[in-house]
Amino acid sequence: VQLQASGGGLVQAGGSLSLACAAFGSSFTFTNMGWYRQCPGKMRELVASVLSDGSTNYADSVKGRFTISRDNAKNTVSLQMNSLRPEDTAVYYCWGYCHGYAQTYWGRGTQVTVSS
């Protein structure tokens, strides 16, 4: 199973970006999918996640600005990021967890840079 992320890039503060992630090679629906991010010298942190039933969870720092969504049929997850701040600058990682296999999958990171 591979998770392939797209999107990201450079944007000015206050701008918007969207990230998308697709799972290839899986025969199952991920129990949970989402995005983590990591800044240099810091631990990876959860940004947002969404269960297969659509329930969402957000880090306090992004609530009201980011929106996560998924398409179970296509095994994709997206993250719409609005009102971006310089502190949102990080490498963003797509992530998926399958409860049945007790397995976590990671995509390659994609850089998001917000200039002030």
Protein backbone atom coordinates (compact mmCIF):
# COMPACT_ATOMS: atom_id res chain seq x y z
CA VAL A 1 0.00 0.00 0.00
CA GLN A 2 1.31 3.43 -0.92
CA LEU A 3 0.03 6.82 0.04
CA GLN A 4 0.79 9.50 -2.50
CA ALA A 5 0.43 13.12 -1.51
CA SER A 6 0.17 16.14 -3.74
CA GLY A 7 -0.24 19.85 -3.26
CA GLY A 8 1.66 22.11 -0.93
CA GLY A 9 4.03 24.83 -2.01
CA LEU A 10 4.71 28.43 -1.12
CA VAL A 11 2.05 30.93 -0.15
CA GLN A 12 1.88 34.25 1.63
CA ALA A 13 0.39 34.55 5.07
CA GLY A 14 -3.38 34.66 4.88
CA GLY A 15 -3.45 32.60 1.74
CA SER A 16 -4.76 29.11 1.07
CA LEU A 17 -3.38 25.78 -0.06
CA SER A 18 -4.83 22.35 -0.45
CA LEU A 19 -3.28 18.95 0.01
CA ALA A 20 -4.51 15.68 -1.40
CA CYS A 21 -3.51 12.11 -0.72
CA ALA A 22 -4.47 8.93 -2.51
CA ALA A 23 -3.92 5.34 -1.42
CA PHE A 24 -2.78 2.84 -4.01
CA GLY A 25 -2.68 -0.91 -3.70
CA SER A 26 -5.12 -1.24 -0.80
CA SER A 27 -8.13 -3.54 -0.79
CA PHE A 28 -9.52 -2.05 2.40
CA THR A 29 -10.95 1.24 3.62
CA PHE A 30 -8.70 2.99 6.08
CA THR A 31 -10.19 3.23 9.56
CA ASN A 32 -8.61 6.61 10.01
CA MET A 33 -6.81 8.98 7.65
CA GLY A 34 -5.23 12.32 8.12
CA TRP A 35 -2.27 14.62 8.08
CA TYR A 36 0.68 15.15 10.35
CA ARG A 37 3.27 17.88 10.04
CA GLN A 38 6.82 18.29 11.19
CA CYS A 39 8.98 21.38 11.56
CA PRO A 40 12.77 21.12 11.70
CA GLY A 41 13.89 20.15 15.17
CA LYS A 42 10.37 19.40 16.33
CA MET A 43 8.30 16.27 16.76
CA ARG A 44 5.74 15.28 14.19
CA GLU A 45 2.31 16.49 15.26
CA LEU A 46 -1.20 15.58 14.24
CA VAL A 47 -2.88 18.28 12.18
CA ALA A 48 -6.20 16.66 11.39
CA SER A 49 -7.75 13.25 11.01
CA VAL A 50 -11.02 11.82 9.75
CA LEU A 51 -12.60 8.47 10.51
CA SER A 52 -14.35 6.36 7.90
CA ASP A 53 -17.69 7.57 9.32
CA GLY A 54 -16.68 11.17 8.67
CA SER A 55 -15.89 12.16 12.23
CA THR A 56 -13.07 14.69 12.29
CA ASN A 57 -10.40 15.76 14.73
CA TYR A 58 -8.23 18.87 14.51
CA ALA A 59 -5.26 20.28 16.34
CA ASP A 60 -6.29 23.36 18.29
CA SER A 61 -3.89 25.47 16.26
CA VAL A 62 -5.73 24.79 12.99
CA LYS A 63 -9.36 24.66 14.10
CA GLY A 64 -11.51 27.00 12.07
CA ARG A 65 -8.83 27.37 9.39
CA PHE A 66 -8.26 23.85 8.06
CA THR A 67 -10.85 21.40 6.77
CA ILE A 68 -10.21 17.72 6.26
CA SER A 69 -12.33 15.48 4.07
CA ARG A 70 -12.13 12.00 2.61
CA ASP A 71 -13.64 9.85 -0.07
CA ASN A 72 -13.91 6.27 1.17
CA ALA A 73 -14.73 4.88 -2.25
CA LYS A 74 -11.56 6.37 -3.71
CA ASN A 75 -9.47 6.01 -0.54
CA THR A 76 -8.43 9.63 -0.68
CA VAL A 77 -8.07 12.32 1.94
CA SER A 78 -7.78 16.06 1.41
CA LEU A 79 -6.84 19.01 3.55
CA GLN A 80 -7.99 22.52 2.72
CA MET A 81 -5.83 25.07 4.51
CA ASN A 82 -7.07 28.65 4.75
CA SER A 83 -5.78 31.70 6.57
CA LEU A 84 -2.33 30.21 6.60
CA ARG A 85 0.26 31.50 9.04
CA PRO A 86 4.05 31.36 8.99
CA GLU A 87 3.88 28.88 11.88
CA ASP A 88 2.05 26.47 9.59
CA THR A 89 5.29 26.05 7.65
CA ALA A 90 6.27 22.41 7.84
CA VAL A 91 6.54 19.18 5.95
CA TYR A 92 3.08 17.63 5.84
CA TYR A 93 2.66 13.86 5.85
CA CYS A 94 -0.36 11.91 4.75
CA TRP A 95 -1.26 9.06 7.07
CA GLY A 96 -3.65 6.15 7.14
CA TYR A 97 -4.47 3.53 9.74
CA CYS A 98 -6.22 0.23 9.18
CA HIS A 99 -7.67 -1.25 12.37
CA GLY A 100 -8.18 -4.69 10.85
CA TYR A 101 -4.50 -5.07 10.04
CA ALA A 102 -3.31 -2.91 12.94
CA GLN A 103 -1.11 -1.17 10.41
CA THR A 104 -0.16 2.46 9.92
CA TYR A 105 0.86 3.78 6.54
CA TRP A 106 2.72 6.98 5.72
CA GLY A 107 3.10 8.96 2.56
CA ARG A 108 6.10 11.01 1.61
CA GLY A 109 6.06 14.49 2.99
CA THR A 110 5.13 17.55 1.05
CA GLN A 111 6.51 20.96 1.92
CA VAL A 112 4.22 23.81 2.89
CA THR A 113 5.89 27.18 3.29
CA VAL A 114 4.03 30.27 4.46
CA SER A 115 5.88 33.54 4.10
CA SER A 116 5.16 36.52 6.32
